[in-house]
Amino acid sequence: MMKTAGIEREEVLLMLSELNDQLNMLESELHSSIEEYWNDWYGSQESRLEDCGKKLIALEESLRDLEKNNPLESRKQYSSSVPSIKLELGY
């Protein structure tokens, strides 16, 4: 009877050891998968920010060109599109 209990115990320990190995492998795969996902996500966000930066630079350059070609007219257009604020002092 002792040998049967010893064998069962060894089998259970072996099964638990195999399960532990599988869990360690799964943890490693999940870690690398998550790391890959974050790297892809950060890369896509960085790319989007670079695109926005390029568009902003292009808009600034076109605004400079407009002001350079017709400085008075561009200021009138800008000032007419911005609402004026009237400040009053009161006592």
Protein backbone atom coordinates (compact mmCIF):
# COMPACT_ATOMS: atom_id res chain seq x y z
CA MET A 1 0.00 0.00 0.00
CA MET A 2 2.87 2.38 0.74
CA LYS A 3 4.31 1.90 -2.72
CA THR A 4 1.00 2.86 -4.32
CA ALA A 5 0.79 6.06 -2.28
CA GLY A 6 4.41 6.84 -3.13
CA ILE A 7 3.78 6.32 -6.84
CA GLU A 8 0.63 8.43 -6.73
CA ARG A 9 2.51 11.15 -4.93
CA GLU A 10 5.30 11.04 -7.51
CA GLU A 11 2.77 11.15 -10.36
CA VAL A 12 1.01 14.13 -8.78
CA LEU A 13 4.35 15.91 -8.28
CA LEU A 14 5.29 15.14 -11.88
CA MET A 15 1.94 16.48 -13.13
CA LEU A 16 2.32 19.61 -11.00
CA SER A 17 5.85 20.10 -12.29
CA GLU A 18 4.64 19.80 -15.90
CA LEU A 19 1.81 22.21 -15.16
CA ASN A 20 4.29 24.66 -13.65
CA ASP A 21 6.49 24.41 -16.76
CA GLN A 22 3.47 25.05 -19.01
CA LEU A 23 2.42 28.04 -16.91
CA ASN A 24 5.95 29.47 -17.06
CA MET A 25 5.97 29.03 -20.83
CA LEU A 26 2.55 30.69 -21.10
CA GLU A 27 3.72 33.59 -18.94
CA SER A 28 6.77 34.06 -21.14
CA GLU A 29 4.68 33.98 -24.34
CA LEU A 30 2.15 36.43 -22.89
CA HIS A 31 4.93 38.78 -21.83
CA SER A 32 6.52 38.77 -25.28
CA SER A 33 3.13 39.13 -26.95
CA ILE A 34 2.18 42.10 -24.78
CA GLU A 35 5.58 43.67 -25.31
CA GLU A 36 5.19 43.29 -29.08
CA TYR A 37 1.69 44.79 -28.92
CA TRP A 38 2.93 47.82 -26.92
CA ASN A 39 5.86 48.34 -29.28
CA ASP A 40 3.48 48.30 -32.26
CA TRP A 41 1.07 50.65 -30.50
CA TYR A 42 3.82 53.10 -29.50
CA GLY A 43 5.18 52.96 -33.05
CA SER A 44 1.79 53.77 -34.53
CA GLN A 45 1.27 56.64 -32.08
CA GLU A 46 4.71 58.01 -32.85
CA SER A 47 3.93 57.83 -36.56
CA ARG A 48 0.62 59.65 -36.05
CA LEU A 49 2.37 62.39 -34.05
CA GLU A 50 5.01 62.78 -36.76
CA ASP A 51 2.26 63.11 -39.38
CA CYS A 52 0.53 65.77 -37.27
CA GLY A 53 3.83 67.60 -36.87
CA LYS A 54 4.43 67.57 -40.62
CA LYS A 55 0.92 68.89 -41.27
CA LEU A 56 1.40 71.63 -38.69
CA ILE A 57 4.70 72.67 -40.27
CA ALA A 58 3.05 72.75 -43.70
CA LEU A 59 0.22 74.92 -42.35
CA GLU A 60 2.68 77.31 -40.69
CA GLU A 61 4.67 77.59 -43.92
CA SER A 62 1.56 78.27 -45.99
CA LEU A 63 0.48 80.92 -43.45
CA ARG A 64 3.93 82.56 -43.70
CA ASP A 65 3.67 82.49 -47.49
CA LEU A 66 0.26 84.14 -47.33
CA GLU A 67 1.53 86.84 -44.99
CA LYS A 68 4.63 87.35 -47.10
CA ASN A 69 2.64 87.72 -50.33
CA ASN A 70 -0.07 89.95 -48.91
CA PRO A 71 0.64 91.04 -45.33
CA LEU A 72 -2.13 93.64 -44.98
CA GLU A 73 -4.88 91.49 -46.44
CA SER A 74 -3.96 88.46 -44.32
CA ARG A 75 -4.01 90.58 -41.15
CA LYS A 76 -7.42 92.02 -42.07
CA GLN A 77 -8.74 88.52 -42.69
CA TYR A 78 -7.33 87.29 -39.40
CA SER A 79 -8.57 90.24 -37.40
CA SER A 80 -12.06 89.98 -38.92
CA SER A 81 -12.29 86.31 -38.02
CA VAL A 82 -11.24 86.89 -34.40
CA PRO A 83 -14.01 88.44 -32.30
CA SER A 84 -13.02 91.68 -30.65
CA ILE A 85 -13.25 92.15 -26.91
CA LYS A 86 -14.19 95.47 -25.41
CA LEU A 87 -12.89 96.02 -21.91
CA GLU A 88 -14.31 98.62 -19.61
CA LEU A 89 -13.03 99.79 -16.27
CA GLY A 90 -15.59 100.33 -13.58
CA TYR A 91 -15.38 101.65 -10.07
